[in-house]
C-alpha atoms as a PDB file:
ATOM      1  CA  UNK A   1     -25.745 -14.872 -18.003  1.00  0.00           C
ATOM      2  CA  UNK A   2     -24.345 -15.855 -21.400  1.00  0.00           C
ATOM      3  CA  UNK A   3     -20.632 -16.487 -20.937  1.00  0.00           C
ATOM      4  CA  UNK A   4     -19.780 -15.618 -24.550  1.00  0.00           C
ATOM      5  CA  UNK A   5     -21.244 -12.103 -24.124  1.00  0.00           C
ATOM      6  CA  UNK A   6     -19.722 -11.534 -20.707  1.00  0.00           C
ATOM      7  CA  UNK A   7     -16.862  -9.042 -20.945  1.00  0.00           C
ATOM      8  CA  UNK A   8     -15.056  -6.688 -18.604  1.00  0.00           C
ATOM      9  CA  UNK A   9     -14.012  -3.149 -19.452  1.00  0.00           C
ATOM     10  CA  UNK A  10     -11.343  -0.940 -17.994  1.00  0.00           C
ATOM     11  CA  UNK A  11      -8.128   0.979 -18.558  1.00  0.00           C
ATOM     12  CA  UNK A  12      -5.712  -1.248 -20.484  1.00  0.00           C
ATOM     13  CA  UNK A  13      -1.965  -1.017 -20.792  1.00  0.00           C
ATOM     14  CA  UNK A  14      -0.740  -2.292 -24.159  1.00  0.00           C
ATOM     15  CA  UNK A  15       2.991  -1.735 -23.656  1.00  0.00           C
ATOM     16  CA  UNK A  16       5.452  -0.338 -21.067  1.00  0.00           C
ATOM     17  CA  UNK A  17       4.761   3.204 -22.280  1.00  0.00           C
ATOM     18  CA  UNK A  18       1.273   2.927 -20.759  1.00  0.00           C
ATOM     19  CA  UNK A  19       2.899   3.624 -17.372  1.00  0.00           C
ATOM     20  CA  UNK A  20       3.342   7.212 -18.564  1.00  0.00           C
ATOM     21  CA  UNK A  21      -0.380   7.885 -18.660  1.00  0.00           C
ATOM     22  CA  UNK A  22      -1.075   6.180 -21.986  1.00  0.00           C
ATOM     23  CA  UNK A  23      -3.555   3.479 -21.017  1.00  0.00           C
ATOM     24  CA  UNK A  24      -6.568   3.018 -23.285  1.00  0.00           C
ATOM     25  CA  UNK A  25     -10.145   2.229 -22.282  1.00  0.00           C
ATOM     26  CA  UNK A  26     -11.385  -1.031 -23.721  1.00  0.00           C
ATOM     27  CA  UNK A  27     -13.036  -4.406 -23.275  1.00  0.00           C
ATOM     28  CA  UNK A  28     -11.256  -7.587 -22.298  1.00  0.00           C
ATOM     29  CA  UNK A  29     -12.205 -11.187 -21.622  1.00  0.00           C
ATOM     30  CA  UNK A  30     -12.259 -12.274 -17.972  1.00  0.00           C
ATOM     31  CA  UNK A  31     -11.107 -15.674 -16.797  1.00  0.00           C
ATOM     32  CA  UNK A  32     -13.510 -18.552 -17.345  1.00  0.00           C
ATOM     33  CA  UNK A  33     -16.267 -18.426 -14.735  1.00  0.00           C
ATOM     34  CA  UNK A  34     -16.013 -21.071 -12.016  1.00  0.00           C
ATOM     35  CA  UNK A  35     -18.454 -21.922  -9.256  1.00  0.00           C
ATOM     36  CA  UNK A  36     -16.028 -20.688  -6.582  1.00  0.00           C
ATOM     37  CA  UNK A  37     -15.982 -17.175  -8.071  1.00  0.00           C
ATOM     38  CA  UNK A  38     -17.534 -13.913  -6.926  1.00  0.00           C
ATOM     39  CA  UNK A  39     -18.382 -11.188  -9.439  1.00  0.00           C
ATOM     40  CA  UNK A  40     -17.951  -7.610  -8.219  1.00  0.00           C
ATOM     41  CA  UNK A  41     -19.363  -4.376  -9.610  1.00  0.00           C
ATOM     42  CA  UNK A  42     -16.447  -2.072  -8.819  1.00  0.00           C
ATOM     43  CA  UNK A  43     -17.168   1.293  -7.210  1.00  0.00           C
ATOM     44  CA  UNK A  44     -13.711   2.258  -5.902  1.00  0.00           C
ATOM     45  CA  UNK A  45     -10.154   1.284  -6.800  1.00  0.00           C
ATOM     46  CA  UNK A  46      -7.039   2.555  -5.070  1.00  0.00           C
ATOM     47  CA  UNK A  47      -4.046   3.278  -7.280  1.00  0.00           C
ATOM     48  CA  UNK A  48      -0.869   1.586  -6.068  1.00  0.00           C
ATOM     49  CA  UNK A  49       2.773   1.949  -7.005  1.00  0.00           C
ATOM     50  CA  UNK A  50       2.769  -1.715  -7.960  1.00  0.00           C
ATOM     51  CA  UNK A  51       0.274  -0.859 -10.714  1.00  0.00           C
ATOM     52  CA  UNK A  52       2.928   1.348 -12.295  1.00  0.00           C
ATOM     53  CA  UNK A  53       5.658  -1.269 -11.825  1.00  0.00           C
ATOM     54  CA  UNK A  54       3.400  -3.775 -13.583  1.00  0.00           C
ATOM     55  CA  UNK A  55       2.445  -1.472 -16.449  1.00  0.00           C
ATOM     56  CA  UNK A  56       6.092  -0.813 -17.301  1.00  0.00           C
ATOM     57  CA  UNK A  57       7.210  -4.445 -16.780  1.00  0.00           C
ATOM     58  CA  UNK A  58       9.387  -3.360 -13.879  1.00  0.00           C
ATOM     59  CA  UNK A  59       8.833  -6.541 -11.861  1.00  0.00           C
ATOM     60  CA  UNK A  60       9.289  -8.914 -14.754  1.00  0.00           C
ATOM     61  CA  UNK A  61       7.656  -9.157 -18.147  1.00  0.00           C
ATOM     62  CA  UNK A  62       4.012  -8.115 -18.189  1.00  0.00           C
ATOM     63  CA  UNK A  63       1.624  -9.874 -20.550  1.00  0.00           C
ATOM     64  CA  UNK A  64      -0.255  -7.174 -22.445  1.00  0.00           C
ATOM     65  CA  UNK A  65      -2.939  -6.037 -22.690  1.00  0.00           C
ATOM     66  CA  UNK A  66      -3.030  -5.626 -18.937  1.00  0.00           C
ATOM     67  CA  UNK A  67      -5.687  -4.100 -16.692  1.00  0.00           C
ATOM     68  CA  UNK A  68      -4.107  -3.205 -13.358  1.00  0.00           C
ATOM     69  CA  UNK A  69      -5.842  -2.332 -10.098  1.00  0.00           C
ATOM     70  CA  UNK A  70      -6.114  -4.516  -7.011  1.00  0.00           C
ATOM     71  CA  UNK A  71      -7.225  -2.192  -4.188  1.00  0.00           C
ATOM     72  CA  UNK A  72     -10.811  -2.843  -5.177  1.00  0.00           C
ATOM     73  CA  UNK A  73     -14.083  -2.209  -3.379  1.00  0.00           C
ATOM     74  CA  UNK A  74     -17.440  -3.030  -4.903  1.00  0.00           C
ATOM     75  CA  UNK A  75     -20.769  -4.751  -4.593  1.00  0.00           C
ATOM     76  CA  UNK A  76     -21.283  -8.451  -5.193  1.00  0.00           C
ATOM     77  CA  UNK A  77     -23.566  -9.001  -8.189  1.00  0.00           C
ATOM     78  CA  UNK A  78     -23.111 -12.735  -8.752  1.00  0.00           C
ATOM     79  CA  UNK A  79     -21.753 -15.693  -6.827  1.00  0.00           C
ATOM     80  CA  UNK A  80     -20.842 -19.205  -7.851  1.00  0.00           C
ATOM     81  CA  UNK A  81     -22.757 -22.184  -6.510  1.00  0.00           C
ATOM     82  CA  UNK A  82     -19.927 -23.071  -4.121  1.00  0.00           C
ATOM     83  CA  UNK A  83     -19.737 -19.607  -2.540  1.00  0.00           C
ATOM     84  CA  UNK A  84     -21.250 -19.411   0.936  1.00  0.00           C
ATOM     85  CA  UNK A  85     -19.661 -16.353   2.535  1.00  0.00           C
ATOM     86  CA  UNK A  86     -20.933 -13.747   0.089  1.00  0.00           C
ATOM     87  CA  UNK A  87     -24.192 -12.955  -1.600  1.00  0.00           C
ATOM     88  CA  UNK A  88     -25.360 -10.356  -4.110  1.00  0.00           C
ATOM     89  CA  UNK A  89     -25.510  -6.890  -2.561  1.00  0.00           C
ATOM     90  CA  UNK A  90     -22.562  -7.353  -0.213  1.00  0.00           C
ATOM     91  CA  UNK A  91     -19.959  -4.584  -0.184  1.00  0.00           C
ATOM     92  CA  UNK A  92     -17.015  -6.932  -0.129  1.00  0.00           C
ATOM     93  CA  UNK A  93     -14.074  -8.071  -2.178  1.00  0.00           C
ATOM     94  CA  UNK A  94     -12.668 -11.314  -0.800  1.00  0.00           C
ATOM     95  CA  UNK A  95     -13.062  -9.892   2.712  1.00  0.00           C
ATOM     96  CA  UNK A  96     -15.874  -8.121   4.516  1.00  0.00           C
ATOM     97  CA  UNK A  97     -15.659  -4.351   4.853  1.00  0.00           C
ATOM     98  CA  UNK A  98     -16.741  -3.544   8.429  1.00  0.00           C
ATOM     99  CA  UNK A  99     -19.122  -0.732   9.333  1.00  0.00           C
ATOM    100  CA  UNK A 100     -17.258   2.457  10.105  1.00  0.00           C
ATOM    101  CA  UNK A 101     -14.976   2.303   7.063  1.00  0.00           C
ATOM    102  CA  UNK A 102     -15.969   4.118   3.903  1.00  0.00           C
ATOM    103  CA  UNK A 103     -15.213   2.438   0.604  1.00  0.00           C
ATOM    104  CA  UNK A 104     -12.757   5.167  -0.377  1.00  0.00           C
ATOM    105  CA  UNK A 105     -10.803   4.697   2.862  1.00  0.00           C
ATOM    106  CA  UNK A 106     -10.918   0.911   2.816  1.00  0.00           C
ATOM    107  CA  UNK A 107      -9.718   0.549  -0.785  1.00  0.00           C
ATOM    108  CA  UNK A 108      -6.046   1.548  -0.282  1.00  0.00           C
ATOM    109  CA  UNK A 109      -5.852  -0.577   2.841  1.00  0.00           C
ATOM    110  CA  UNK A 110      -6.252  -3.721   0.723  1.00  0.00           C
ATOM    111  CA  UNK A 111      -2.643  -3.419  -0.444  1.00  0.00           C
ATOM    112  CA  UNK A 112      -0.803  -0.427   1.011  1.00  0.00           C
ATOM    113  CA  UNK A 113      -2.423  -0.812   4.411  1.00  0.00           C
ATOM    114  CA  UNK A 114      -1.884  -4.532   4.858  1.00  0.00           C
ATOM    115  CA  UNK A 115       1.668  -4.293   3.496  1.00  0.00           C
ATOM    116  CA  UNK A 116       2.716  -2.308   6.572  1.00  0.00           C
ATOM    117  CA  UNK A 117       0.132  -3.546   9.088  1.00  0.00           C
ATOM    118  CA  UNK A 118       1.368  -7.142   8.845  1.00  0.00           C
ATOM    119  CA  UNK A 119       5.030  -6.491   9.768  1.00  0.00           C
ATOM    120  CA  UNK A 120       4.095  -3.964  12.446  1.00  0.00           C
ATOM    121  CA  UNK A 121       1.898  -6.557  14.117  1.00  0.00           C
ATOM    122  CA  UNK A 122       4.300  -9.462  13.568  1.00  0.00           C
ATOM    123  CA  UNK A 123       7.244  -7.625  15.081  1.00  0.00           C
ATOM    124  CA  UNK A 124       5.406  -6.396  18.144  1.00  0.00           C
ATOM    125  CA  UNK A 125       4.694  -2.748  17.483  1.00  0.00           C
ATOM    126  CA  UNK A 126       3.048  -1.383  20.601  1.00  0.00           C
ATOM    127  CA  UNK A 127       3.634   0.401  23.902  1.00  0.00           C
ATOM    128  CA  UNK A 128       7.299   0.826  24.734  1.00  0.00           C
ATOM    129  CA  UNK A 129       8.478   0.392  21.144  1.00  0.00           C
ATOM    130  CA  UNK A 130      10.192   3.049  19.069  1.00  0.00           C
ATOM    131  CA  UNK A 131       9.379   2.669  15.384  1.00  0.00           C
ATOM    132  CA  UNK A 132      10.968   4.279  12.346  1.00  0.00           C
ATOM    133  CA  UNK A 133       9.227   4.624   8.985  1.00  0.00           C
ATOM    134  CA  UNK A 134      11.564   5.164   6.044  1.00  0.00           C
ATOM    135  CA  UNK A 135       9.830   6.801   3.110  1.00  0.00           C
ATOM    136  CA  UNK A 136       6.590   8.525   4.080  1.00  0.00           C
ATOM    137  CA  UNK A 137       4.580   8.162   0.905  1.00  0.00           C
ATOM    138  CA  UNK A 138       1.513   6.017   0.300  1.00  0.00           C
ATOM    139  CA  UNK A 139       2.769   2.991   2.256  1.00  0.00           C
ATOM    140  CA  UNK A 140       4.719   5.027   4.781  1.00  0.00           C
ATOM    141  CA  UNK A 141       1.791   7.201   5.773  1.00  0.00           C
ATOM    142  CA  UNK A 142      -0.153   4.017   6.596  1.00  0.00           C
ATOM    143  CA  UNK A 143       2.796   2.799   8.690  1.00  0.00           C
ATOM    144  CA  UNK A 144       2.758   6.021  10.705  1.00  0.00           C
ATOM    145  CA  UNK A 145      -1.015   5.831  11.214  1.00  0.00           C
ATOM    146  CA  UNK A 146      -0.988   2.184  12.289  1.00  0.00           C
ATOM    147  CA  UNK A 147       2.101   2.475  14.511  1.00  0.00           C
ATOM    148  CA  UNK A 148       0.480   5.347  16.363  1.00  0.00           C
ATOM    149  CA  UNK A 149      -2.826   3.458  16.690  1.00  0.00           C
ATOM    150  CA  UNK A 150      -0.949   0.412  18.045  1.00  0.00           C
ATOM    151  CA  UNK A 151       0.422   2.581  20.833  1.00  0.00           C
ATOM    152  CA  UNK A 152       4.090   2.861  19.859  1.00  0.00           C
ATOM    153  CA  UNK A 153       6.047   5.031  22.280  1.00  0.00           C
ATOM    154  CA  UNK A 154       7.715   6.892  19.444  1.00  0.00           C
ATOM    155  CA  UNK A 155       7.086   7.006  15.697  1.00  0.00           C
ATOM    156  CA  UNK A 156       9.858   8.563  13.623  1.00  0.00           C
ATOM    157  CA  UNK A 157       9.087   9.472  10.021  1.00  0.00           C
ATOM    158  CA  UNK A 158      12.106   9.599   7.713  1.00  0.00           C
ATOM    159  CA  UNK A 159      12.068  11.048   4.197  1.00  0.00           C
ATOM    160  CA  UNK A 160      14.490  13.051   2.119  1.00  0.00           C
ATOM    161  CA  UNK A 161      12.972  16.526   2.059  1.00  0.00           C
ATOM    162  CA  UNK A 162      11.807  18.791   4.866  1.00  0.00           C
ATOM    163  CA  UNK A 163       8.599  19.825   3.097  1.00  0.00           C
ATOM    164  CA  UNK A 164       6.699  16.804   4.447  1.00  0.00           C
ATOM    165  CA  UNK A 165       7.455  17.443   8.103  1.00  0.00           C
ATOM    166  CA  UNK A 166       4.204  19.190   9.027  1.00  0.00           C
ATOM    167  CA  UNK A 167       2.106  16.534   7.290  1.00  0.00           C
ATOM    168  CA  UNK A 168       3.994  13.595   8.801  1.00  0.00           C
ATOM    169  CA  UNK A 169       3.644  15.030  12.293  1.00  0.00           C
ATOM    170  CA  UNK A 170      -0.071  15.561  11.620  1.00  0.00           C
ATOM    171  CA  UNK A 171      -0.331  11.865  10.716  1.00  0.00           C
ATOM    172  CA  UNK A 172       0.859  11.029  14.224  1.00  0.00           C
ATOM    173  CA  UNK A 173       4.646  10.849  14.041  1.00  0.00           C
ATOM    174  CA  UNK A 174       6.436  12.120  17.132  1.00  0.00           C
ATOM    175  CA  UNK A 175       9.504  13.174  15.150  1.00  0.00           C
ATOM    176  CA  UNK A 176      10.535  13.754  11.561  1.00  0.00           C
ATOM    177  CA  UNK A 177      13.947  13.384   9.942  1.00  0.00           C
ATOM    178  CA  UNK A 178      14.715  15.075   6.613  1.00  0.00           C
ATOM    179  CA  UNK A 179      17.742  13.021   5.635  1.00  0.00           C
ATOM    180  CA  UNK A 180      18.827  15.346   2.811  1.00  0.00           C
ATOM    181  CA  UNK A 181      18.794  18.433   5.022  1.00  0.00           C
ATOM    182  CA  UNK A 182      20.107  17.097   8.347  1.00  0.00           C
ATOM    183  CA  UNK A 183      23.733  16.083   7.884  1.00  0.00           C
ATOM    184  CA  UNK A 184      23.908  14.540  11.365  1.00  0.00           C
ATOM    185  CA  UNK A 185      20.714  12.487  11.284  1.00  0.00           C
ATOM    186  CA  UNK A 186      22.506   9.152  11.600  1.00  0.00           C
ATOM    187  CA  UNK A 187      24.570  10.215  14.613  1.00  0.00           C
ATOM    188  CA  UNK A 188      21.566  11.810  16.323  1.00  0.00           C
ATOM    189  CA  UNK A 189      19.354   8.728  15.936  1.00  0.00           C
ATOM    190  CA  UNK A 190      21.829   5.817  16.011  1.00  0.00           C
ATOM    191  CA  UNK A 191      20.724   2.789  18.072  1.00  0.00           C
ATOM    192  CA  UNK A 192      17.446   4.351  19.202  1.00  0.00           C
ATOM    193  CA  UNK A 193      14.806   2.393  17.253  1.00  0.00           C
ATOM    194  CA  UNK A 194      13.363  -1.059  17.901  1.00  0.00           C
ATOM    195  CA  UNK A 195      11.771  -1.518  14.487  1.00  0.00           C
ATOM    196  CA  UNK A 196      12.120   0.081  11.069  1.00  0.00           C
ATOM    197  CA  UNK A 197       9.627  -0.309   8.225  1.00  0.00           C
ATOM    198  CA  UNK A 198      11.287   0.684   4.941  1.00  0.00           C
ATOM    199  CA  UNK A 199       8.892   1.526   2.114  1.00  0.00           C
ATOM    200  CA  UNK A 200      11.492   2.875  -0.317  1.00  0.00           C
ATOM    201  CA  UNK A 201      11.207   1.386  -3.819  1.00  0.00           C
ATOM    202  CA  UNK A 202      14.647   2.325  -5.064  1.00  0.00           C
ATOM    203  CA  UNK A 203      17.984   0.647  -5.591  1.00  0.00           C
ATOM    204  CA  UNK A 204      19.778   3.767  -4.365  1.00  0.00           C
ATOM    205  CA  UNK A 205      19.273   4.783  -0.746  1.00  0.00           C
ATOM    206  CA  UNK A 206      21.541   4.735   2.346  1.00  0.00           C
ATOM    207  CA  UNK A 207      20.489   1.304   3.606  1.00  0.00           C
ATOM    208  CA  UNK A 208      23.504   0.871   5.886  1.00  0.00           C
ATOM    209  CA  UNK A 209      22.775   4.203   7.573  1.00  0.00           C
ATOM    210  CA  UNK A 210      19.173   3.198   8.242  1.00  0.00           C
ATOM    211  CA  UNK A 211      20.279  -0.081   9.803  1.00  0.00           C
ATOM    212  CA  UNK A 212      22.545   1.884  12.147  1.00  0.00           C
ATOM    213  CA  UNK A 213      19.435   3.504  13.642  1.00  0.00           C
ATOM    214  CA  UNK A 214      18.368   0.200  15.203  1.00  0.00           C
ATOM    215  CA  UNK A 215      19.035  -0.800  18.765  1.00  0.00           C
ATOM    216  CA  UNK A 216      20.964  -3.997  19.355  1.00  0.00           C
ATOM    217  CA  UNK A 217      18.575  -6.786  18.401  1.00  0.00           C
ATOM    218  CA  UNK A 218      16.321  -4.447  16.410  1.00  0.00           C
ATOM    219  CA  UNK A 219      14.512  -5.391  13.212  1.00  0.00           C
ATOM    220  CA  UNK A 220      14.646  -3.839   9.737  1.00  0.00           C
ATOM    221  CA  UNK A 221      11.745  -4.803   7.453  1.00  0.00           C
ATOM    222  CA  UNK A 222      11.847  -4.059   3.722  1.00  0.00           C
ATOM    223  CA  UNK A 223       8.436  -3.685   2.079  1.00  0.00           C
ATOM    224  CA  UNK A 224       9.315  -1.451  -0.878  1.00  0.00           C
ATOM    225  CA  UNK A 225      10.237  -3.309  -4.069  1.00  0.00           C
ATOM    226  CA  UNK A 226      12.281  -1.485  -6.731  1.00  0.00           C
ATOM    227  CA  UNK A 227      12.256  -2.418 -10.391  1.00  0.00           C
ATOM    228  CA  UNK A 228      14.227  -5.627 -10.946  1.00  0.00           C
ATOM    229  CA  UNK A 229      14.280  -6.154  -7.172  1.00  0.00           C
ATOM    230  CA  UNK A 230      17.722  -4.611  -6.719  1.00  0.00           C
ATOM    231  CA  UNK A 231      18.524  -3.168  -3.273  1.00  0.00           C
ATOM    232  CA  UNK A 232      21.716  -1.449  -2.074  1.00  0.00           C
ATOM    233  CA  UNK A 233      24.501  -3.663  -0.775  1.00  0.00           C
ATOM    234  CA  UNK A 234      24.693  -4.116   2.986  1.00  0.00           C
ATOM    235  CA  UNK A 235      27.922  -4.115   4.942  1.00  0.00           C
ATOM    236  CA  UNK A 236      27.984  -7.386   6.863  1.00  0.00           C
ATOM    237  CA  UNK A 237      29.734  -5.683   9.783  1.00  0.00           C
ATOM    238  CA  UNK A 238      26.817  -3.272  10.136  1.00  0.00           C
ATOM    239  CA  UNK A 239      24.522  -6.250  10.679  1.00  0.00           C
ATOM    240  CA  UNK A 240      26.903  -8.246  12.857  1.00  0.00           C
ATOM    241  CA  UNK A 241      28.130  -5.531  15.220  1.00  0.00           C
ATOM    242  CA  UNK A 242      24.598  -4.249  15.787  1.00  0.00           C
ATOM    243  CA  UNK A 243      23.148  -7.767  16.046  1.00  0.00           C
ATOM    244  CA  UNK A 244      20.121  -6.689  14.035  1.00  0.00           C
ATOM    245  CA  UNK A 245      17.540  -8.658  12.090  1.00  0.00           C
ATOM    246  CA  UNK A 246      16.929  -7.857   8.439  1.00  0.00           C
ATOM    247  CA  UNK A 247      13.852  -9.263   6.734  1.00  0.00           C
ATOM    248  CA  UNK A 248      11.092  -8.451   4.281  1.00  0.00           C
ATOM    249  CA  UNK A 249       7.321  -8.643   4.164  1.00  0.00           C
ATOM    250  CA  UNK A 250       4.727  -8.818   1.393  1.00  0.00           C
ATOM    251  CA  UNK A 251       1.025  -8.334   2.114  1.00  0.00           C
ATOM    252  CA  UNK A 252      -1.213 -10.608   4.179  1.00  0.00           C
ATOM    253  CA  UNK A 253      -3.857 -13.315   4.142  1.00  0.00           C
ATOM    254  CA  UNK A 254      -7.601 -12.614   3.895  1.00  0.00           C
ATOM    255  CA  UNK A 255      -7.752 -13.180   7.666  1.00  0.00           C
ATOM    256  CA  UNK A 256      -4.988 -10.607   8.193  1.00  0.00           C
ATOM    257  CA  UNK A 257      -6.829  -8.116   6.005  1.00  0.00           C
ATOM    258  CA  UNK A 258     -10.082  -8.613   7.908  1.00  0.00           C
ATOM    259  CA  UNK A 259      -8.212  -8.082  11.178  1.00  0.00           C
ATOM    260  CA  UNK A 260      -6.595  -4.913   9.834  1.00  0.00           C
ATOM    261  CA  UNK A 261      -9.882  -3.489   8.573  1.00  0.00           C
ATOM    262  CA  UNK A 262     -11.560  -4.142  11.908  1.00  0.00           C
ATOM    263  CA  UNK A 263      -8.586  -2.596  13.731  1.00  0.00           C
ATOM    264  CA  UNK A 264      -8.848   0.475  11.509  1.00  0.00           C
ATOM    265  CA  UNK A 265     -12.571   0.769  12.165  1.00  0.00           C
ATOM    266  CA  UNK A 266     -12.158   0.298  15.928  1.00  0.00           C
ATOM    267  CA  UNK A 267      -9.264   2.771  16.218  1.00  0.00           C
ATOM    268  CA  UNK A 268     -10.659   5.237  13.680  1.00  0.00           C
ATOM    269  CA  UNK A 269      -7.601   4.982  11.448  1.00  0.00           C
ATOM    270  CA  UNK A 270      -8.351   7.273   8.530  1.00  0.00           C
ATOM    271  CA  UNK A 271      -5.913   7.384   5.609  1.00  0.00           C
ATOM    272  CA  UNK A 272      -5.258  10.570   3.711  1.00  0.00           C
ATOM    273  CA  UNK A 273      -7.083   9.869   0.467  1.00  0.00           C
ATOM    274  CA  UNK A 274      -7.725  11.934  -2.640  1.00  0.00           C
ATOM    275  CA  UNK A 275     -10.610  10.665  -4.762  1.00  0.00           C
ATOM    276  CA  UNK A 276     -10.548  11.097  -8.530  1.00  0.00           C
ATOM    277  CA  UNK A 277     -13.016  10.031 -11.228  1.00  0.00           C
ATOM    278  CA  UNK A 278     -12.202   6.757 -12.964  1.00  0.00           C
ATOM    279  CA  UNK A 279     -11.923   8.748 -16.195  1.00  0.00           C
ATOM    280  CA  UNK A 280      -8.781  10.453 -14.839  1.00  0.00           C
ATOM    281  CA  UNK A 281      -6.792   7.232 -14.380  1.00  0.00           C
ATOM    282  CA  UNK A 282      -4.060   8.246 -16.821  1.00  0.00           C
ATOM    283  CA  UNK A 283      -3.533  11.597 -15.135  1.00  0.00           C
ATOM    284  CA  UNK A 284      -3.469   9.924 -11.718  1.00  0.00           C
ATOM    285  CA  UNK A 285      -0.659   7.621 -12.872  1.00  0.00           C
ATOM    286  CA  UNK A 286       1.328  10.677 -13.962  1.00  0.00           C
ATOM    287  CA  UNK A 287       0.593  12.510 -10.707  1.00  0.00           C
ATOM    288  CA  UNK A 288       1.861   9.574  -8.654  1.00  0.00           C
ATOM    289  CA  UNK A 289       5.099   9.502 -10.642  1.00  0.00           C
ATOM    290  CA  UNK A 290       5.444  13.253 -10.064  1.00  0.00           C
ATOM    291  CA  UNK A 291       5.096  12.761  -6.295  1.00  0.00           C
ATOM    292  CA  UNK A 292       1.856  14.724  -6.006  1.00  0.00           C
ATOM    293  CA  UNK A 293      -0.183  12.139  -4.071  1.00  0.00           C
ATOM    294  CA  UNK A 294      -1.077  13.020  -0.471  1.00  0.00           C
ATOM    295  CA  UNK A 295      -1.107  10.187   0.228  1.00  0.00           C
ATOM    296  CA  UNK A 296      -3.218   7.731  -1.775  1.00  0.00           C
ATOM    297  CA  UNK A 297      -5.365   8.223  -4.845  1.00  0.00           C
ATOM    298  CA  UNK A 298      -8.643   6.319  -5.107  1.00  0.00           C
ATOM    299  CA  UNK A 299     -10.501   6.164  -8.396  1.00  0.00           C
ATOM    300  CA  UNK A 300     -14.281   6.409  -8.094  1.00  0.00           C
ATOM    301  CA  UNK A 301     -16.403   4.623 -10.670  1.00  0.00           C
ATOM    302  CA  UNK A 302     -19.190   7.157 -10.878  1.00  0.00           C
ATOM    303  CA  UNK A 303     -21.207   4.761 -13.029  1.00  0.00           C
ATOM    304  CA  UNK A 304     -21.605   2.358 -10.115  1.00  0.00           C
ATOM    305  CA  UNK A 305     -20.802   4.360  -6.981  1.00  0.00           C
ATOM    306  CA  UNK A 306     -24.467   4.815  -6.104  1.00  0.00           C
ATOM    307  CA  UNK A 307     -24.590   1.102  -5.262  1.00  0.00           C
ATOM    308  CA  UNK A 308     -21.943   1.458  -2.567  1.00  0.00           C
ATOM    309  CA  UNK A 309     -23.099   1.059   0.987  1.00  0.00           C
ATOM    310  CA  UNK A 310     -20.268   3.199   2.382  1.00  0.00           C
END
C-alpha cells in the first residue's frame, strides 16, 4: 500500500464548538506506519463522555483537528511484520473479542466497561459485599451489571432523579436512591456500604455525604473526571472518623480488558446499548449532553459492518 495515498476519514472536531454537534466529515493523515502496527477497518464505535471532554478541550488543550472515538471494534485488514497475535480477518482491536459478545455490546466495554470493572475486581466486589454506584449513566450502568454478575450481596444505585429507578432495578440493583427526592437518604444508608464506585463527572456533588455511606474501612473510588479535574472539597474529619479509603481508578491493561470481556461473555453481561448510524454522530453527541442515552450509544459504520463476525 502506498503510504502517501493512505489516509483515514472520520468525523473531525476543528474547535471546542464541535462538542455541540458541529463535527465535520473529512480526511486526515494517520501516524506513520510501523511494523508493530495493526490496521483496523472499523465497524462499531461506542461514544464516550471522554470524547465530548476532548472535543471541547475540557481535559486540557486539544490539538485540532481531532478525530475522537476509542471504543472501537473492527476487522484487521493489515498487520506489521512484527505482529504475531493478529492477522487479517480477525475481529479484534488490541484485544480479542470472545465468542458470545456482539460487536455492538463489546464496543462500550473497551472504555466504560473496563473503567468500572477494574476497581470492582481490585477492591473485592463479590459475595457478602454491599456496593454503591453513584451516578447511573453510561459508566454506572456497567458498574451495576458487573457488581451483580460478581455476586455482590447488595447493589445500590444512586442518582439524582427518581425517573431512573425502574431501569436501575432492571439492570440488577437491589435498591435505588433518588438523592434529590429523598431528604433522608444519607441517614438511611449511612455506614452500610463496603465499596462505592463514583462515576459523576462534575465538580459539584455531595461528596462528603457519599463518603458517609461507607462502613468503617470502606473504599470510595472516583472514576468520573470533570472538566479541569476539579472535585468537591472533602472534610478530613469525614475520612478520619469513618476510617475510609479514598482512591481513583482509570481504565485497565489489555490483559484486564481481555479478562473483562471473557467475564462478560461467561456471565452473559449485556449492556443497554442503542445503535445509531455513523452518519448521526453529531446528533448522538447532542443526545448524550441532553441525557437521552440509555445507556450507551454505539455508532455503526454501515459501510463496513458486513465484515463483522459478531
